Protein backbone atom coordinates (compact mmCIF):
# COMPACT_ATOMS: atom_id res chain seq x y z
CA UNK A 1 224.77 99.66 232.37
CA UNK A 2 223.96 103.23 232.10
CA UNK A 3 227.13 103.70 229.78
CA UNK A 4 226.05 100.90 227.27
CA UNK A 5 223.01 102.96 227.42
CA UNK A 6 224.43 106.09 226.41
CA UNK A 7 227.20 104.64 223.56
CA UNK A 8 224.02 102.61 222.01
CA UNK A 9 222.24 105.99 221.69
CA UNK A 10 225.83 107.94 220.61
CA UNK A 11 225.68 104.69 218.17
CA UNK A 12 222.18 105.62 217.01
CA UNK A 13 222.65 109.59 216.39
CA UNK A 14 225.73 108.83 214.51
CA UNK A 15 224.17 106.79 211.91
CA UNK A 16 221.27 108.93 211.92
CA UNK A 17 223.26 111.83 211.38
CA UNK A 18 224.67 110.91 208.25
CA UNK A 19 221.58 110.02 206.63
CA UNK A 20 221.10 113.14 204.25
CA UNK A 21 224.58 111.76 203.11
CA UNK A 22 223.41 108.93 202.17
CA UNK A 23 220.22 110.09 200.35
CA UNK A 24 222.41 112.78 198.34
CA UNK A 25 225.08 109.81 197.60
CA UNK A 26 222.35 107.73 195.94
CA UNK A 27 221.38 110.31 193.10
CA UNK A 28 217.67 108.76 193.47
CA UNK A 29 214.27 110.51 193.81
CA UNK A 30 213.20 111.22 197.52
CA UNK A 31 210.11 108.50 197.06
CA UNK A 32 212.23 106.25 195.19
CA UNK A 33 214.95 106.19 197.78
CA UNK A 34 212.46 106.31 201.36
CA UNK A 35 210.45 103.31 199.40
CA UNK A 36 214.16 101.32 198.96
CA UNK A 37 215.21 102.21 202.69
CA UNK A 38 212.03 101.38 204.47
CA UNK A 39 211.76 97.90 201.65
CA UNK A 40 215.24 96.88 202.89
CA UNK A 41 214.71 97.92 206.41
CA UNK A 42 211.54 96.47 207.17
CA UNK A 43 212.51 92.83 207.32
CA UNK A 44 214.25 93.17 209.93
CA UNK A 45 212.22 95.74 212.07
CA UNK A 46 209.16 93.05 211.58
CA UNK A 47 212.19 90.41 212.82
CA UNK A 48 212.50 92.24 216.13
CA UNK A 49 209.29 93.43 216.82
CA UNK A 50 208.08 89.47 216.55
CA UNK A 51 210.92 88.59 218.88
CA UNK A 52 209.68 91.40 221.17
CA UNK A 53 205.76 90.98 221.02
CA UNK A 54 204.67 87.66 219.70
CA UNK A 55 203.02 87.03 216.42
CA UNK A 56 200.00 87.42 217.91
CA UNK A 57 200.03 90.75 219.50
CA UNK A 58 201.76 92.00 216.57
CA UNK A 59 198.75 91.77 214.50
CA UNK A 60 196.52 92.74 217.47
CA UNK A 61 195.27 96.65 215.34
CA UNK A 62 192.83 97.45 217.28
CA UNK A 63 192.64 100.59 217.12
CA UNK A 64 194.49 100.88 213.86
CA UNK A 65 193.77 104.27 212.47
CA UNK A 66 196.58 105.95 214.30
CA UNK A 67 199.13 103.30 213.15
CA UNK A 68 197.76 103.80 209.62
CA UNK A 69 197.87 107.44 210.34
CA UNK A 70 201.86 107.43 211.48
CA UNK A 71 202.35 104.90 209.00
CA UNK A 72 201.36 107.60 206.34
CA UNK A 73 203.41 110.42 208.22
CA UNK A 74 206.60 108.16 208.69
CA UNK A 75 206.60 108.20 204.73
CA UNK A 76 205.57 111.46 204.02
CA UNK A 77 208.02 113.30 206.13
CA UNK A 78 210.83 111.34 204.73
CA UNK A 79 209.80 111.94 200.74
CA UNK A 80 209.77 116.01 202.55
CA UNK A 81 213.62 115.40 204.30
CA UNK A 82 215.43 113.72 201.21
CA UNK A 83 213.64 115.87 198.43
CA UNK A 84 214.74 118.90 200.31
CA UNK A 85 218.36 117.67 200.59
CA UNK A 86 218.15 117.87 197.02
CA UNK A 87 217.75 121.12 196.57
CA UNK A 88 219.11 123.17 199.57
CA UNK A 89 221.87 122.61 201.77
CA UNK A 90 222.13 120.24 205.05
CA UNK A 91 222.17 122.56 207.56
CA UNK A 92 218.82 124.64 206.84
CA UNK A 93 217.19 120.93 206.15
CA UNK A 94 218.36 119.94 209.65
CA UNK A 95 217.82 122.74 211.99
CA UNK A 96 213.82 123.12 210.46
CA UNK A 97 213.33 119.21 210.59
CA UNK A 98 214.05 119.21 214.07
CA UNK A 99 211.65 121.30 214.99
CA UNK A 100 209.19 118.60 214.76
CA UNK A 101 209.41 117.15 218.25
CA UNK A 102 207.96 120.65 219.45
CA UNK A 103 205.33 120.12 217.00
CA UNK A 104 204.36 116.51 218.11
CA UNK A 105 204.05 118.13 221.99
CA UNK A 106 201.97 121.41 220.87
CA UNK A 107 199.97 118.60 218.92
CA UNK A 108 199.36 116.50 222.04
CA UNK A 109 198.92 119.48 224.77
CA UNK A 110 196.20 120.27 222.04
CA UNK A 111 194.03 117.35 221.24
CA UNK A 112 195.34 114.93 223.85
CA UNK A 113 194.98 117.85 226.82
CA UNK A 114 198.45 117.13 227.95
CA UNK A 115 199.41 119.55 230.36
CA UNK A 116 200.41 122.53 228.91
CA UNK A 117 203.25 123.56 230.90
CA UNK A 118 205.34 126.80 230.82
CA UNK A 119 208.40 124.08 229.71
CA UNK A 120 206.22 123.93 226.59
CA UNK A 121 205.56 127.07 225.62
CA UNK A 122 209.29 128.23 226.66
CA UNK A 123 210.41 125.05 223.69
CA UNK A 124 207.97 126.23 221.39
CA UNK A 125 208.52 129.65 221.21
CA UNK A 126 212.45 128.41 221.14
CA UNK A 127 211.91 125.90 218.73
CA UNK A 128 209.86 128.86 216.39
CA UNK A 129 212.60 131.33 216.88
CA UNK A 130 215.20 128.90 215.78
CA UNK A 131 213.54 128.42 212.29
CA UNK A 132 212.92 132.08 211.95
CA UNK A 133 216.71 132.77 212.71
CA UNK A 134 217.80 129.87 210.63
CA UNK A 135 216.53 131.06 208.07
CA UNK A 136 217.34 134.89 207.87
CA UNK A 137 213.90 135.44 209.25
CA UNK A 138 211.93 134.34 206.42
CA UNK A 139 213.99 136.19 203.56
CA UNK A 140 215.31 133.68 202.20
CA UNK A 141 211.88 131.65 202.04
CA UNK A 142 212.97 129.12 199.10
CA UNK A 143 211.88 126.18 197.46
CA UNK A 144 213.70 123.84 199.69
CA UNK A 145 213.21 126.02 203.11
CA UNK A 146 209.33 125.36 202.18
CA UNK A 147 209.83 121.65 201.91
CA UNK A 148 211.69 121.50 204.80
CA UNK A 149 209.07 123.20 206.87
CA UNK A 150 206.60 120.77 205.32
CA UNK A 151 209.04 117.81 206.74
CA UNK A 152 209.00 118.93 210.14
CA UNK A 153 205.00 119.22 210.21
CA UNK A 154 204.56 115.76 208.75
CA UNK A 155 207.08 114.73 211.60
CA UNK A 156 205.26 116.51 214.10
CA UNK A 157 202.54 114.73 213.20
CA UNK A 158 204.64 111.23 213.18
CA UNK A 159 205.05 111.68 216.65
CA UNK A 160 201.60 112.86 217.52
CA UNK A 161 200.32 109.57 215.70
CA UNK A 162 202.86 107.42 216.86
CA UNK A 163 202.50 108.80 220.94
CA UNK A 164 198.58 107.79 220.35
CA UNK A 165 198.99 104.47 218.42
CA UNK A 166 202.10 103.29 221.41
CA UNK A 167 199.24 104.19 224.25
CA UNK A 168 197.53 100.57 222.53
CA UNK A 169 200.59 98.76 221.08
CA UNK A 170 204.78 98.50 221.58
CA UNK A 171 206.20 101.15 220.01
CA UNK A 172 208.36 98.29 217.64
CA UNK A 173 205.24 96.94 216.76
CA UNK A 174 204.23 100.24 215.69
CA UNK A 175 207.18 101.09 213.87
CA UNK A 176 207.14 97.85 211.63
CA UNK A 177 203.45 98.54 211.03
CA UNK A 178 204.72 102.27 210.26
CA UNK A 179 207.56 101.15 207.30
CA UNK A 180 205.13 98.70 205.95
CA UNK A 181 202.62 101.22 205.40
CA UNK A 182 205.23 103.48 203.93
CA UNK A 183 206.19 100.60 201.24
CA UNK A 184 202.87 100.65 200.12
CA UNK A 185 202.31 104.63 199.91
CA UNK A 186 205.34 104.96 198.75
CA UNK A 187 205.54 101.99 195.83
CA UNK A 188 204.02 104.08 193.20
CA UNK A 189 207.26 106.71 193.53
CA UNK A 190 208.81 104.13 191.52
CA UNK A 191 206.72 104.17 188.43
CA UNK A 192 206.06 108.11 188.62
CA UNK A 193 209.50 109.68 188.82
CA UNK A 194 212.06 109.57 186.68
CA UNK A 195 215.07 107.42 187.73
CA UNK A 196 217.43 104.89 186.48
CA UNK A 197 218.73 101.60 187.70
CA UNK A 198 221.84 102.05 189.45
CA UNK A 199 223.65 100.02 191.98
CA UNK A 200 225.30 102.59 193.64
CA UNK A 201 221.77 103.62 194.34
CA UNK A 202 220.73 100.20 195.40
CA UNK A 203 223.47 99.86 198.20
CA UNK A 204 223.13 102.93 199.25
CA UNK A 205 219.72 102.62 200.04
CA UNK A 206 220.27 99.04 201.17
CA UNK A 207 222.84 100.10 203.75
CA UNK A 208 220.74 103.06 204.47
CA UNK A 209 217.63 100.42 205.53
CA UNK A 210 219.76 97.85 206.97
CA UNK A 211 222.27 100.16 209.47
CA UNK A 212 220.88 103.43 209.55
CA UNK A 213 217.20 102.62 209.81
CA UNK A 214 217.15 98.87 211.14
CA UNK A 215 220.33 99.04 212.99
CA UNK A 216 219.83 102.68 214.67
CA UNK A 217 215.81 101.99 215.76
CA UNK A 218 217.49 98.77 217.65
CA UNK A 219 220.15 100.66 219.31
CA UNK A 220 217.64 103.01 220.64
CA UNK A 221 215.41 100.59 221.76
CA UNK A 222 217.81 98.81 223.45
CA UNK A 223 219.04 102.23 224.91
CA UNK A 224 215.97 102.44 226.87
CA UNK A 225 216.85 99.70 228.96
CA UNK A 226 219.74 101.46 230.62
CA UNK A 227 218.75 105.10 230.23
CA UNK A 228 216.51 107.09 230.96
CA UNK A 229 213.95 108.36 227.58
CA UNK A 230 214.38 111.61 228.48
CA UNK A 231 218.46 111.58 228.27
CA UNK A 232 217.85 109.58 224.94
CA UNK A 233 215.42 112.51 224.04
CA UNK A 234 218.58 115.24 224.86
CA UNK A 235 221.02 112.30 223.21
CA UNK A 236 218.73 112.10 219.82
CA UNK A 237 219.80 116.17 219.29
CA UNK A 238 223.07 115.21 218.53
CA UNK A 239 221.51 113.93 214.84
CA UNK A 240 222.13 118.11 214.29
CA UNK A 241 225.74 117.88 215.26
CA UNK A 242 226.45 114.88 213.61
CA UNK A 243 224.49 115.76 210.11
CA UNK A 244 226.35 119.70 210.11
CA UNK A 245 229.65 118.32 210.62
CA UNK A 246 229.21 115.41 207.79
CA UNK A 247 227.95 118.08 205.15
CA UNK A 248 231.24 119.91 206.22
CA UNK A 249 233.44 117.32 205.29
CA UNK A 250 232.23 115.49 203.07
CA UNK A 251 229.82 118.35 201.25
CA UNK A 252 231.93 120.82 201.90
CA UNK A 253 228.83 122.83 203.52
CA UNK A 254 229.70 125.48 205.89
CA UNK A 255 226.52 126.10 208.27
CA UNK A 256 226.33 130.27 208.44
CA UNK A 257 225.97 131.98 211.70
CA UNK A 258 221.81 132.32 211.44
CA UNK A 259 221.89 128.14 210.65
CA UNK A 260 224.11 127.59 213.87
CA UNK A 261 222.23 130.25 216.17
CA UNK A 262 218.71 128.44 214.68
CA UNK A 263 220.50 124.95 215.55
CA UNK A 264 221.60 126.04 219.04
CA UNK A 265 217.80 127.24 220.02
CA UNK A 266 216.17 124.42 218.37
CA UNK A 267 218.33 122.24 220.95
CA UNK A 268 217.58 124.18 224.21
CA UNK A 269 213.76 124.00 222.98
CA UNK A 270 213.87 120.41 222.59
CA UNK A 271 216.18 120.01 226.15
CA UNK A 272 213.35 122.47 228.11
CA UNK A 273 210.44 120.47 226.49
CA UNK A 274 211.83 117.05 227.90
CA UNK A 275 211.23 118.55 231.13
CA UNK A 276 207.32 118.94 230.55
């Protein structure tokens, strides 16, 4: 059964690692792409959530504020993430983006009074160094890098508010509410962004919503029935490797030595942080 859990996690990370390609190939503005992604993925997550928890429990929303804030952060972090992908290379974006989980752990240590262990301190330092190295010590602090940093920070807050929300509600129910809230906050982008309807863009967003969002999350949740969260969290960092490999194969983007070193440092940071 453990083998099944590992295979499911590999499937999820494979799908998540290919998400940057989907966003780029859709040729949609980031806000519009995120709207369609959550719009198409939401019905499947809603069905899964109600099947797991029941309709009554799904609507038990006290306290609602962490669910609400995590929903906002889900939409915001994805908008920044796909915006960054439209203006800089995939390697830079994903390496910086995956400093987000370390930010979540730091926020939990500060505001939730979780114990600040030596593992958290070391992982935070490594993640910070990983970001610095990947952007060449700040020399190439471009617009794309800044937006990637905003994506990482909002990703960190997403993890933090999700942690509070899941103290009171089932994780899958929280995810469904997050997607519904994201639909609402990204809806205005349909009118504020300059974009044209295309079957290619909508079909790619549909595929991303169903497979890269709903199916990947199902694989993630089901995998946790067979493997430890710590193992799943380590395997999740394969997202970075898959994303860089796909960018090399399909976009001909070759990561430089700084990005590779930064990725290694951030993956190490994540693996150490799990020990806390």
